[in-house]
Each structure stands twice: as structure tokens, then as C-alpha cells.
């Protein structure tokens, strides 16, 4: 199992970019995703149904986009970090033929109830639509000073 570098709250800077990644979306990836999640809603695998429903083509489902955003966060935070909350909006579609890129940025950090929080913007985008899935994440990171927030 790959061990991720650990992020500590004291080392995080507001404005810091989270390393993202890109994926080529193709029909095979769509079918593997819906098969794995058992999301058999025809918008995700039947182009004729999608077009009759007012869409240009099939598109990636919610679980895929959520997992992609979580990957950006967990790759950045390290194994001792804790993703407390993730919020995102599916405003535009990721479809076969797109290159989906997922990114993030630190927007705040603070101590609350003895926990060391980092708040991040996260998003998925593609060249066709721009930002398709904006979101926000609340992460608890370990402190180099231990569990006590004093002096943080």
C-alpha cells in the first residue's frame, strides 16, 4: 500500500494548491463506473435516452465525481488526516471525450473544539465546460504540537 506524505496543520498555507490529476473519460470508463456502483439510470449508459431527456450524451455519475474530489483531498492530506465534510454541486457534465481535471486550493485554516481544520475549495473541470463540479472540503489535520490547540 502506498503511503502518502503526511500534511500537518502548521505547514499548511492559505492559497496553497492541492496537487490534482486528470483523467481521459471514455465510454469504457463510464461503463466500468456504473457497473461498479450499480447506478443503472439510463442517463449514464444509453445515449438515445440521454438525448431524449435533453442531454447531448451520457455522462459521469455522482459517485464518480465524488470519488474524484475525495482523491484530490486524501492524496494531499495524508493518512492521518480526516475528511470531516465534503460539499459539491454538479453544475455541468463530464462526458466521454472529455479530459476531466480535478484540483483544489486551501482557503482557510483554524482551530475549533481542539481540532485543527483546513478548509479547501475543490473542483472538477474540463476544456468543454470549464468548472463542472465546484465544491468545498473541511479537513482535520494532525498538529505537530499534538492534540492541544494552544500555541497554534
Foldseek 3Di string as FASTA:
>chain_A
DDFADADALVPDDAFDKQDKDKDQAALVVLVVVCVVVVVVDCLSHPQVVVVVVPHNGRFHDPVVQVVRQVCSVDNRHTDQKDFPDKDKDQADTHHHRWIKMKIKGWHDWDADPLFTKTKMWIFIATPVGGTRMIMMTIMTHAHPVGSGPPPD
